[in-house]
């Protein structure tokens, strides 16, 4: 059974309020990309794709409102078919009595509705798996996938949304051989806002060094004007990266520092610079718990060299 009348409405379903990136991607796989496509599809098909009767009903109601707010003209063929299907005035059938409503309720999935955090993490996982080369095609790729998912999990833990989780899942990692992100493909799959957020976060994770060996003032100014979402993604990405470095150090010793051209000293300097820049900004944004996690992992990195080799 169709969800509604066949209407010509080319409004993308991504503009509907309830259409998250995960919903859009799921429906696009079935060729449902516009409001017209959605209204022409069967209710059961939409509910199956969303794994929820309630979510399907909400989305379809929004689609009907969007279609009604956009005037459309029926095609000549449709108008002619409608006219031919109308009986003559004296041949109109008598209205049949309404059938008694069925007492059997419509069956619904027993699974509880996914929370926004679960949806965000699931979409981030899709982002990680969509990377060129395959998320688990090699040891480096597997490590990078785990690191990206860890960053996305931190996002959800600290109250982030779907775009933040996706951006964290697409961040560059400490593994130079890990699959890279195709920005154009990511924008199509997960939306421009998530990719734009990814780029803002990466600016905060790029710490240029001045001739004096200290972080450039440019980076400090970027942190000062950064929005909360970008700081959240950058901090979670930095924590996940630093923890990955520590895990390598614990399993393979000093070989872990080979990931960095400047070795251990550069790694400690880099993550220390991130902590010094983002720590106070996170506290100002009332994210003291995240600031504490960032500083804890920085201190743990410093401690890998012993008491005489801590960063200044």
C-alpha atoms as a PDB file:
ATOM      1  CA  UNK A   1       0.000   0.000   0.000  1.00  0.00           C
ATOM      2  CA  UNK A   2       1.350   3.424  -0.887  1.00  0.00           C
ATOM      3  CA  UNK A   3       2.024   5.914   1.898  1.00  0.00           C
ATOM      4  CA  UNK A   4       0.139   8.624   0.050  1.00  0.00           C
ATOM      5  CA  UNK A   5      -0.880  10.087  -3.320  1.00  0.00           C
ATOM      6  CA  UNK A   6       1.626  10.180  -6.103  1.00  0.00           C
ATOM      7  CA  UNK A   7       2.887  13.762  -6.109  1.00  0.00           C
ATOM      8  CA  UNK A   8       5.635  15.520  -7.962  1.00  0.00           C
ATOM      9  CA  UNK A   9       7.838  16.916  -5.216  1.00  0.00           C
ATOM     10  CA  UNK A  10      11.597  17.011  -5.754  1.00  0.00           C
ATOM     11  CA  UNK A  11      12.428  18.312  -2.283  1.00  0.00           C
ATOM     12  CA  UNK A  12      15.319  16.152  -0.941  1.00  0.00           C
ATOM     13  CA  UNK A  13      14.374  14.019   2.043  1.00  0.00           C
ATOM     14  CA  UNK A  14      17.486  15.365   3.772  1.00  0.00           C
ATOM     15  CA  UNK A  15      15.519  18.600   4.354  1.00  0.00           C
ATOM     16  CA  UNK A  16      12.954  16.824   6.524  1.00  0.00           C
ATOM     17  CA  UNK A  17      13.440  17.478  10.226  1.00  0.00           C
ATOM     18  CA  UNK A  18      13.600  13.795  11.218  1.00  0.00           C
ATOM     19  CA  UNK A  19      15.864  12.738   8.336  1.00  0.00           C
ATOM     20  CA  UNK A  20      19.235  12.161   9.977  1.00  0.00           C
ATOM     21  CA  UNK A  21      22.234  11.297   7.773  1.00  0.00           C
ATOM     22  CA  UNK A  22      21.760   7.639   8.673  1.00  0.00           C
ATOM     23  CA  UNK A  23      18.081   7.771   7.638  1.00  0.00           C
ATOM     24  CA  UNK A  24      18.901   9.528   4.368  1.00  0.00           C
ATOM     25  CA  UNK A  25      21.624   7.019   3.509  1.00  0.00           C
ATOM     26  CA  UNK A  26      19.370   4.056   4.316  1.00  0.00           C
ATOM     27  CA  UNK A  27      16.487   5.326   2.181  1.00  0.00           C
ATOM     28  CA  UNK A  28      18.769   6.389  -0.674  1.00  0.00           C
ATOM     29  CA  UNK A  29      19.874   2.772  -0.996  1.00  0.00           C
ATOM     30  CA  UNK A  30      16.270   1.960  -1.981  1.00  0.00           C
ATOM     31  CA  UNK A  31      16.045   4.817  -4.472  1.00  0.00           C
ATOM     32  CA  UNK A  32      14.100   7.075  -2.089  1.00  0.00           C
ATOM     33  CA  UNK A  33      15.807  10.451  -2.337  1.00  0.00           C
ATOM     34  CA  UNK A  34      12.962  12.982  -2.633  1.00  0.00           C
ATOM     35  CA  UNK A  35       9.720  13.692  -0.815  1.00  0.00           C
ATOM     36  CA  UNK A  36       7.856  12.434  -3.881  1.00  0.00           C
ATOM     37  CA  UNK A  37       9.757   9.135  -3.773  1.00  0.00           C
ATOM     38  CA  UNK A  38       8.983   8.775  -0.069  1.00  0.00           C
ATOM     39  CA  UNK A  39       5.251   9.334  -0.521  1.00  0.00           C
ATOM     40  CA  UNK A  40       5.166   6.906  -3.427  1.00  0.00           C
ATOM     41  CA  UNK A  41       6.850   4.141  -1.450  1.00  0.00           C
ATOM     42  CA  UNK A  42       4.929   1.687   0.699  1.00  0.00           C
ATOM     43  CA  UNK A  43       4.703   2.320   4.429  1.00  0.00           C
ATOM     44  CA  UNK A  44       6.084  -1.127   5.186  1.00  0.00           C
ATOM     45  CA  UNK A  45       9.115  -0.536   2.974  1.00  0.00           C
ATOM     46  CA  UNK A  46       9.929   2.742   4.731  1.00  0.00           C
ATOM     47  CA  UNK A  47       9.360   1.209   8.181  1.00  0.00           C
ATOM     48  CA  UNK A  48      11.607  -1.725   7.295  1.00  0.00           C
ATOM     49  CA  UNK A  49      14.425   0.575   6.188  1.00  0.00           C
ATOM     50  CA  UNK A  50      14.146   2.637   9.384  1.00  0.00           C
ATOM     51  CA  UNK A  51      13.499  -0.416  11.565  1.00  0.00           C
ATOM     52  CA  UNK A  52      10.702   1.525  13.271  1.00  0.00           C
ATOM     53  CA  UNK A  53       7.005   2.028  12.516  1.00  0.00           C
ATOM     54  CA  UNK A  54       6.941   5.156  14.677  1.00  0.00           C
ATOM     55  CA  UNK A  55       9.903   6.787  12.927  1.00  0.00           C
ATOM     56  CA  UNK A  56       8.439   5.931   9.518  1.00  0.00           C
ATOM     57  CA  UNK A  57       5.107   7.497  10.448  1.00  0.00           C
ATOM     58  CA  UNK A  58       6.757  10.692  11.684  1.00  0.00           C
ATOM     59  CA  UNK A  59       8.928  10.984   8.566  1.00  0.00           C
ATOM     60  CA  UNK A  60       5.987  10.396   6.223  1.00  0.00           C
ATOM     61  CA  UNK A  61       3.873  13.025   8.009  1.00  0.00           C
ATOM     62  CA  UNK A  62       6.716  15.518   7.553  1.00  0.00           C
ATOM     63  CA  UNK A  63       6.925  14.553   3.883  1.00  0.00           C
ATOM     64  CA  UNK A  64       3.191  15.180   3.431  1.00  0.00           C
ATOM     65  CA  UNK A  65       3.520  18.594   5.040  1.00  0.00           C
ATOM     66  CA  UNK A  66       6.482  19.414   2.799  1.00  0.00           C
ATOM     67  CA  UNK A  67       4.559  18.297  -0.302  1.00  0.00           C
ATOM     68  CA  UNK A  68       1.464  20.304   0.674  1.00  0.00           C
ATOM     69  CA  UNK A  69       3.525  23.418   1.248  1.00  0.00           C
ATOM     70  CA  UNK A  70       4.949  23.171  -2.274  1.00  0.00           C
ATOM     71  CA  UNK A  71       2.252  23.697  -4.957  1.00  0.00           C
ATOM     72  CA  UNK A  72       2.367  21.115  -7.690  1.00  0.00           C
ATOM     73  CA  UNK A  73       0.452  20.643 -10.911  1.00  0.00           C
ATOM     74  CA  UNK A  74      -0.736  17.210 -12.022  1.00  0.00           C
ATOM     75  CA  UNK A  75       0.398  16.081 -15.436  1.00  0.00           C
ATOM     76  CA  UNK A  76      -2.078  16.123 -18.337  1.00  0.00           C
ATOM     77  CA  UNK A  77      -2.162  12.337 -18.384  1.00  0.00           C
ATOM     78  CA  UNK A  78      -2.909  12.148 -14.658  1.00  0.00           C
ATOM     79  CA  UNK A  79      -5.693  14.745 -14.994  1.00  0.00           C
ATOM     80  CA  UNK A  80      -7.222  12.845 -17.897  1.00  0.00           C
ATOM     81  CA  UNK A  81      -7.091   9.542 -15.996  1.00  0.00           C
ATOM     82  CA  UNK A  82      -8.741  11.158 -12.967  1.00  0.00           C
ATOM     83  CA  UNK A  83     -11.521  12.601 -15.104  1.00  0.00           C
ATOM     84  CA  UNK A  84     -12.194   9.267 -16.822  1.00  0.00           C
ATOM     85  CA  UNK A  85     -12.292   7.444 -13.492  1.00  0.00           C
ATOM     86  CA  UNK A  86     -15.107   9.682 -12.120  1.00  0.00           C
ATOM     87  CA  UNK A  87     -18.601   8.173 -12.621  1.00  0.00           C
ATOM     88  CA  UNK A  88     -21.466  10.192 -14.056  1.00  0.00           C
ATOM     89  CA  UNK A  89     -23.609  12.068 -11.486  1.00  0.00           C
ATOM     90  CA  UNK A  90     -26.469   9.591 -11.730  1.00  0.00           C
ATOM     91  CA  UNK A  91     -24.112   6.631 -11.575  1.00  0.00           C
ATOM     92  CA  UNK A  92     -22.333   7.530  -8.366  1.00  0.00           C
ATOM     93  CA  UNK A  93     -22.444   4.535  -5.991  1.00  0.00           C
ATOM     94  CA  UNK A  94     -24.028   4.849  -2.606  1.00  0.00           C
ATOM     95  CA  UNK A  95     -21.579   5.316   0.215  1.00  0.00           C
ATOM     96  CA  UNK A  96     -20.956   1.976   1.863  1.00  0.00           C
ATOM     97  CA  UNK A  97     -21.094   1.795   5.640  1.00  0.00           C
ATOM     98  CA  UNK A  98     -17.702   2.115   7.264  1.00  0.00           C
ATOM     99  CA  UNK A  99     -16.090  -1.172   8.148  1.00  0.00           C
ATOM    100  CA  UNK A 100     -15.608  -1.875  11.803  1.00  0.00           C
ATOM    101  CA  UNK A 101     -12.054  -1.183  12.892  1.00  0.00           C
ATOM    102  CA  UNK A 102      -9.923  -4.222  13.366  1.00  0.00           C
ATOM    103  CA  UNK A 103      -9.298  -5.125  16.974  1.00  0.00           C
ATOM    104  CA  UNK A 104      -5.904  -6.592  16.140  1.00  0.00           C
ATOM    105  CA  UNK A 105      -3.173  -3.980  16.717  1.00  0.00           C
ATOM    106  CA  UNK A 106      -0.507  -3.476  14.116  1.00  0.00           C
ATOM    107  CA  UNK A 107       2.548  -5.482  15.044  1.00  0.00           C
ATOM    108  CA  UNK A 108       5.603  -3.417  15.894  1.00  0.00           C
ATOM    109  CA  UNK A 109       9.195  -4.376  16.491  1.00  0.00           C
ATOM    110  CA  UNK A 110       9.926  -5.210  20.100  1.00  0.00           C
ATOM    111  CA  UNK A 111      13.332  -3.515  19.989  1.00  0.00           C
ATOM    112  CA  UNK A 112      13.446  -0.174  21.853  1.00  0.00           C
ATOM    113  CA  UNK A 113      13.904   2.980  19.836  1.00  0.00           C
ATOM    114  CA  UNK A 114      17.564   3.858  19.357  1.00  0.00           C
ATOM    115  CA  UNK A 115      18.874   6.813  21.323  1.00  0.00           C
ATOM    116  CA  UNK A 116      20.556   9.751  19.595  1.00  0.00           C
ATOM    117  CA  UNK A 117      23.889   8.540  20.938  1.00  0.00           C
ATOM    118  CA  UNK A 118      23.403   5.071  19.486  1.00  0.00           C
ATOM    119  CA  UNK A 119      22.434   6.564  16.125  1.00  0.00           C
ATOM    120  CA  UNK A 120      25.485   8.834  16.169  1.00  0.00           C
ATOM    121  CA  UNK A 121      27.862   6.007  16.999  1.00  0.00           C
ATOM    122  CA  UNK A 122      26.296   3.743  14.364  1.00  0.00           C
ATOM    123  CA  UNK A 123      26.696   6.452  11.718  1.00  0.00           C
ATOM    124  CA  UNK A 124      30.301   7.045  12.790  1.00  0.00           C
ATOM    125  CA  UNK A 125      30.960   3.322  12.366  1.00  0.00           C
ATOM    126  CA  UNK A 126      29.522   3.518   8.852  1.00  0.00           C
ATOM    127  CA  UNK A 127      31.867   6.448   8.197  1.00  0.00           C
ATOM    128  CA  UNK A 128      34.881   4.443   9.359  1.00  0.00           C
ATOM    129  CA  UNK A 129      33.900   1.418   7.262  1.00  0.00           C
ATOM    130  CA  UNK A 130      33.381   3.615   4.179  1.00  0.00           C
ATOM    131  CA  UNK A 131      37.009   4.761   4.034  1.00  0.00           C
ATOM    132  CA  UNK A 132      38.975   3.865   0.923  1.00  0.00           C
ATOM    133  CA  UNK A 133      41.139   0.772   1.301  1.00  0.00           C
ATOM    134  CA  UNK A 134      38.904  -0.843   3.868  1.00  0.00           C
ATOM    135  CA  UNK A 135      38.866  -0.156   7.589  1.00  0.00           C
ATOM    136  CA  UNK A 136      40.462  -3.524   8.410  1.00  0.00           C
ATOM    137  CA  UNK A 137      42.526  -4.169   5.280  1.00  0.00           C
ATOM    138  CA  UNK A 138      45.833  -4.046   7.169  1.00  0.00           C
ATOM    139  CA  UNK A 139      47.277  -3.752  10.651  1.00  0.00           C
ATOM    140  CA  UNK A 140      47.612   0.015  10.250  1.00  0.00           C
ATOM    141  CA  UNK A 141      44.057   0.295   8.958  1.00  0.00           C
ATOM    142  CA  UNK A 142      42.698  -1.792  11.827  1.00  0.00           C
ATOM    143  CA  UNK A 143      44.522   0.332  14.385  1.00  0.00           C
ATOM    144  CA  UNK A 144      43.254   3.518  12.748  1.00  0.00           C
ATOM    145  CA  UNK A 145      39.681   2.178  12.679  1.00  0.00           C
ATOM    146  CA  UNK A 146      39.846   1.393  16.390  1.00  0.00           C
ATOM    147  CA  UNK A 147      41.257   4.856  17.088  1.00  0.00           C
ATOM    148  CA  UNK A 148      38.529   6.599  15.082  1.00  0.00           C
ATOM    149  CA  UNK A 149      35.781   4.594  16.762  1.00  0.00           C
ATOM    150  CA  UNK A 150      37.301   5.381  20.170  1.00  0.00           C
ATOM    151  CA  UNK A 151      37.148   9.097  19.337  1.00  0.00           C
ATOM    152  CA  UNK A 152      33.515   8.763  18.234  1.00  0.00           C
ATOM    153  CA  UNK A 153      32.654   6.902  21.442  1.00  0.00           C
ATOM    154  CA  UNK A 154      34.207   9.728  23.476  1.00  0.00           C
ATOM    155  CA  UNK A 155      32.049  12.194  21.546  1.00  0.00           C
ATOM    156  CA  UNK A 156      28.875  10.357  22.548  1.00  0.00           C
ATOM    157  CA  UNK A 157      30.104   9.964  26.131  1.00  0.00           C
ATOM    158  CA  UNK A 158      30.511  13.732  26.428  1.00  0.00           C
ATOM    159  CA  UNK A 159      27.117  14.603  24.933  1.00  0.00           C
ATOM    160  CA  UNK A 160      28.057  15.132  21.293  1.00  0.00           C
ATOM    161  CA  UNK A 161      25.655  14.599  18.414  1.00  0.00           C
ATOM    162  CA  UNK A 162      25.683  12.726  15.133  1.00  0.00           C
ATOM    163  CA  UNK A 163      27.713  15.246  13.126  1.00  0.00           C
ATOM    164  CA  UNK A 164      30.380  15.354  15.848  1.00  0.00           C
ATOM    165  CA  UNK A 165      30.556  11.554  15.967  1.00  0.00           C
ATOM    166  CA  UNK A 166      30.908  11.305  12.182  1.00  0.00           C
ATOM    167  CA  UNK A 167      33.622  13.985  12.137  1.00  0.00           C
ATOM    168  CA  UNK A 168      35.538  12.094  14.834  1.00  0.00           C
ATOM    169  CA  UNK A 169      35.187   8.896  12.803  1.00  0.00           C
ATOM    170  CA  UNK A 170      36.796  10.595   9.807  1.00  0.00           C
ATOM    171  CA  UNK A 171      39.721  12.296  11.557  1.00  0.00           C
ATOM    172  CA  UNK A 172      43.246  11.549  10.397  1.00  0.00           C
ATOM    173  CA  UNK A 173      45.127   9.191  12.690  1.00  0.00           C
ATOM    174  CA  UNK A 174      48.680   8.605  13.863  1.00  0.00           C
ATOM    175  CA  UNK A 175      49.082   5.769  11.349  1.00  0.00           C
ATOM    176  CA  UNK A 176      50.471   7.206   8.076  1.00  0.00           C
ATOM    177  CA  UNK A 177      49.422   4.094   6.135  1.00  0.00           C
ATOM    178  CA  UNK A 178      45.811   4.190   7.337  1.00  0.00           C
ATOM    179  CA  UNK A 179      43.016   4.798   4.786  1.00  0.00           C
ATOM    180  CA  UNK A 180      42.397   8.480   4.108  1.00  0.00           C
ATOM    181  CA  UNK A 181      39.109  10.323   3.807  1.00  0.00           C
ATOM    182  CA  UNK A 182      37.611  11.319   0.470  1.00  0.00           C
ATOM    183  CA  UNK A 183      35.991  14.613   1.447  1.00  0.00           C
ATOM    184  CA  UNK A 184      33.629  14.765  -1.526  1.00  0.00           C
ATOM    185  CA  UNK A 185      32.414  11.222  -0.933  1.00  0.00           C
ATOM    186  CA  UNK A 186      32.030  11.883   2.796  1.00  0.00           C
ATOM    187  CA  UNK A 187      29.961  14.998   2.090  1.00  0.00           C
ATOM    188  CA  UNK A 188      27.589  12.993  -0.104  1.00  0.00           C
ATOM    189  CA  UNK A 189      27.299  10.147   2.398  1.00  0.00           C
ATOM    190  CA  UNK A 190      27.101  12.062   5.653  1.00  0.00           C
ATOM    191  CA  UNK A 191      26.340  15.674   4.756  1.00  0.00           C
ATOM    192  CA  UNK A 192      28.294  18.891   4.346  1.00  0.00           C
ATOM    193  CA  UNK A 193      27.902  19.944   8.027  1.00  0.00           C
ATOM    194  CA  UNK A 194      29.812  16.878   9.262  1.00  0.00           C
ATOM    195  CA  UNK A 195      32.660  17.397   6.762  1.00  0.00           C
ATOM    196  CA  UNK A 196      32.816  21.121   7.508  1.00  0.00           C
ATOM    197  CA  UNK A 197      33.071  20.284  11.211  1.00  0.00           C
ATOM    198  CA  UNK A 198      35.815  17.756  10.430  1.00  0.00           C
ATOM    199  CA  UNK A 199      37.890  20.456   8.722  1.00  0.00           C
ATOM    200  CA  UNK A 200      37.425  22.922  11.600  1.00  0.00           C
ATOM    201  CA  UNK A 201      38.526  20.274  14.102  1.00  0.00           C
ATOM    202  CA  UNK A 202      41.591  19.362  12.046  1.00  0.00           C
ATOM    203  CA  UNK A 203      42.708  23.011  12.118  1.00  0.00           C
ATOM    204  CA  UNK A 204      42.744  22.797  15.911  1.00  0.00           C
ATOM    205  CA  UNK A 205      44.818  19.604  15.744  1.00  0.00           C
ATOM    206  CA  UNK A 206      47.446  21.218  13.490  1.00  0.00           C
ATOM    207  CA  UNK A 207      50.010  22.920  15.714  1.00  0.00           C
ATOM    208  CA  UNK A 208      52.568  24.917  13.682  1.00  0.00           C
ATOM    209  CA  UNK A 209      55.915  25.439  15.415  1.00  0.00           C
ATOM    210  CA  UNK A 210      57.459  28.887  15.536  1.00  0.00           C
ATOM    211  CA  UNK A 211      61.243  29.399  15.067  1.00  0.00           C
ATOM    212  CA  UNK A 212      61.584  29.524  18.862  1.00  0.00           C
ATOM    213  CA  UNK A 213      60.262  25.969  19.096  1.00  0.00           C
ATOM    214  CA  UNK A 214      57.035  27.050  20.752  1.00  0.00           C
ATOM    215  CA  UNK A 215      53.501  26.663  19.345  1.00  0.00           C
ATOM    216  CA  UNK A 216      52.618  29.455  16.931  1.00  0.00           C
ATOM    217  CA  UNK A 217      50.319  32.250  18.103  1.00  0.00           C
ATOM    218  CA  UNK A 218      48.163  31.470  15.085  1.00  0.00           C
ATOM    219  CA  UNK A 219      47.081  28.205  16.698  1.00  0.00           C
ATOM    220  CA  UNK A 220      46.217  29.933  19.972  1.00  0.00           C
ATOM    221  CA  UNK A 221      44.015  32.407  18.127  1.00  0.00           C
ATOM    222  CA  UNK A 222      42.256  29.578  16.291  1.00  0.00           C
ATOM    223  CA  UNK A 223      41.421  27.943  19.615  1.00  0.00           C
ATOM    224  CA  UNK A 224      40.137  31.259  21.014  1.00  0.00           C
ATOM    225  CA  UNK A 225      37.511  31.599  18.256  1.00  0.00           C
ATOM    226  CA  UNK A 226      36.734  27.897  17.851  1.00  0.00           C
ATOM    227  CA  UNK A 227      33.156  26.719  18.319  1.00  0.00           C
ATOM    228  CA  UNK A 228      32.224  24.136  20.936  1.00  0.00           C
ATOM    229  CA  UNK A 229      31.627  21.349  18.407  1.00  0.00           C
ATOM    230  CA  UNK A 230      35.051  21.760  16.798  1.00  0.00           C
ATOM    231  CA  UNK A 231      36.770  21.779  20.202  1.00  0.00           C
ATOM    232  CA  UNK A 232      34.849  18.664  21.245  1.00  0.00           C
ATOM    233  CA  UNK A 233      35.884  16.741  18.116  1.00  0.00           C
ATOM    234  CA  UNK A 234      39.493  17.926  18.303  1.00  0.00           C
ATOM    235  CA  UNK A 235      39.837  17.043  21.998  1.00  0.00           C
ATOM    236  CA  UNK A 236      38.299  13.590  21.582  1.00  0.00           C
ATOM    237  CA  UNK A 237      40.482  12.946  18.543  1.00  0.00           C
ATOM    238  CA  UNK A 238      43.617  14.006  20.428  1.00  0.00           C
ATOM    239  CA  UNK A 239      42.754  11.818  23.421  1.00  0.00           C
ATOM    240  CA  UNK A 240      42.098   8.786  21.216  1.00  0.00           C
ATOM    241  CA  UNK A 241      45.373   9.349  19.325  1.00  0.00           C
ATOM    242  CA  UNK A 242      47.442   9.790  22.498  1.00  0.00           C
ATOM    243  CA  UNK A 243      45.926   6.680  24.043  1.00  0.00           C
ATOM    244  CA  UNK A 244      46.767   4.742  20.873  1.00  0.00           C
ATOM    245  CA  UNK A 245      50.388   5.907  21.168  1.00  0.00           C
ATOM    246  CA  UNK A 246      50.501   4.808  24.801  1.00  0.00           C
ATOM    247  CA  UNK A 247      49.070   1.409  23.896  1.00  0.00           C
ATOM    248  CA  UNK A 248      51.800   0.946  21.289  1.00  0.00           C
ATOM    249  CA  UNK A 249      54.472   2.003  23.746  1.00  0.00           C
ATOM    250  CA  UNK A 250      53.221  -0.527  26.290  1.00  0.00           C
ATOM    251  CA  UNK A 251      53.224  -3.333  23.694  1.00  0.00           C
ATOM    252  CA  UNK A 252      56.325  -2.513  21.627  1.00  0.00           C
ATOM    253  CA  UNK A 253      58.398  -0.087  23.692  1.00  0.00           C
ATOM    254  CA  UNK A 254      60.401   2.691  22.029  1.00  0.00           C
ATOM    255  CA  UNK A 255      59.399   1.403  18.566  1.00  0.00           C
ATOM    256  CA  UNK A 256      56.114   3.246  19.121  1.00  0.00           C
ATOM    257  CA  UNK A 257      57.869   6.584  18.628  1.00  0.00           C
ATOM    258  CA  UNK A 258      58.800   5.651  15.051  1.00  0.00           C
ATOM    259  CA  UNK A 259      55.349   6.895  14.068  1.00  0.00           C
ATOM    260  CA  UNK A 260      56.674  10.444  14.523  1.00  0.00           C
ATOM    261  CA  UNK A 261      59.517  12.018  12.558  1.00  0.00           C
ATOM    262  CA  UNK A 262      60.724  13.726  15.702  1.00  0.00           C
ATOM    263  CA  UNK A 263      60.384  10.613  17.834  1.00  0.00           C
ATOM    264  CA  UNK A 264      59.194  10.675  21.419  1.00  0.00           C
ATOM    265  CA  UNK A 265      60.212  14.302  22.025  1.00  0.00           C
ATOM    266  CA  UNK A 266      58.013  15.498  19.176  1.00  0.00           C
ATOM    267  CA  UNK A 267      55.067  13.324  20.278  1.00  0.00           C
ATOM    268  CA  UNK A 268      55.217  14.688  23.825  1.00  0.00           C
ATOM    269  CA  UNK A 269      55.641  18.254  22.528  1.00  0.00           C
ATOM    270  CA  UNK A 270      52.711  17.893  20.132  1.00  0.00           C
ATOM    271  CA  UNK A 271      50.187  16.412  22.557  1.00  0.00           C
ATOM    272  CA  UNK A 272      51.408  18.748  25.293  1.00  0.00           C
ATOM    273  CA  UNK A 273      50.765  21.726  22.986  1.00  0.00           C
ATOM    274  CA  UNK A 274      47.265  20.440  22.260  1.00  0.00           C
ATOM    275  CA  UNK A 275      46.627  20.088  25.987  1.00  0.00           C
ATOM    276  CA  UNK A 276      47.903  23.589  26.788  1.00  0.00           C
ATOM    277  CA  UNK A 277      45.747  25.120  24.065  1.00  0.00           C
ATOM    278  CA  UNK A 278      42.526  23.118  24.397  1.00  0.00           C
ATOM    279  CA  UNK A 279      42.586  22.457  28.150  1.00  0.00           C
ATOM    280  CA  UNK A 280      41.682  25.990  29.297  1.00  0.00           C
ATOM    281  CA  UNK A 281      39.234  26.417  26.401  1.00  0.00           C
ATOM    282  CA  UNK A 282      37.436  23.207  27.371  1.00  0.00           C
ATOM    283  CA  UNK A 283      37.163  24.343  30.995  1.00  0.00           C
ATOM    284  CA  UNK A 284      35.771  27.685  29.828  1.00  0.00           C
ATOM    285  CA  UNK A 285      33.182  25.757  27.819  1.00  0.00           C
ATOM    286  CA  UNK A 286      32.274  23.821  30.995  1.00  0.00           C
ATOM    287  CA  UNK A 287      33.839  20.595  29.752  1.00  0.00           C
ATOM    288  CA  UNK A 288      36.182  20.088  32.702  1.00  0.00           C
ATOM    289  CA  UNK A 289      35.834  16.305  32.571  1.00  0.00           C
ATOM    290  CA  UNK A 290      37.105  16.219  28.998  1.00  0.00           C
ATOM    291  CA  UNK A 291      39.923  18.628  29.850  1.00  0.00           C
ATOM    292  CA  UNK A 292      40.943  16.310  32.697  1.00  0.00           C
ATOM    293  CA  UNK A 293      41.007  13.293  30.337  1.00  0.00           C
ATOM    294  CA  UNK A 294      43.176  15.224  27.893  1.00  0.00           C
ATOM    295  CA  UNK A 295      45.685  16.288  30.553  1.00  0.00           C
ATOM    296  CA  UNK A 296      45.769  12.798  32.076  1.00  0.00           C
ATOM    297  CA  UNK A 297      46.870  11.205  28.820  1.00  0.00           C
ATOM    298  CA  UNK A 298      49.415  13.997  28.209  1.00  0.00           C
ATOM    299  CA  UNK A 299      50.941  13.349  31.629  1.00  0.00           C
ATOM    300  CA  UNK A 300      51.028   9.638  30.903  1.00  0.00           C
ATOM    301  CA  UNK A 301      52.966  10.323  27.680  1.00  0.00           C
ATOM    302  CA  UNK A 302      55.390  12.547  29.549  1.00  0.00           C
ATOM    303  CA  UNK A 303      55.976   9.792  32.098  1.00  0.00           C
ATOM    304  CA  UNK A 304      57.163   7.357  29.396  1.00  0.00           C
ATOM    305  CA  UNK A 305      60.576   9.010  29.471  1.00  0.00           C
ATOM    306  CA  UNK A 306      61.084   8.861  33.199  1.00  0.00           C
ATOM    307  CA  UNK A 307      61.317  11.789  35.629  1.00  0.00           C
ATOM    308  CA  UNK A 308      64.268  13.346  33.840  1.00  0.00           C
ATOM    309  CA  UNK A 309      62.584  13.446  30.428  1.00  0.00           C
ATOM    310  CA  UNK A 310      59.241  15.113  31.104  1.00  0.00           C
ATOM    311  CA  UNK A 311      58.155  17.811  28.732  1.00  0.00           C
ATOM    312  CA  UNK A 312      58.803  21.392  29.761  1.00  0.00           C
END
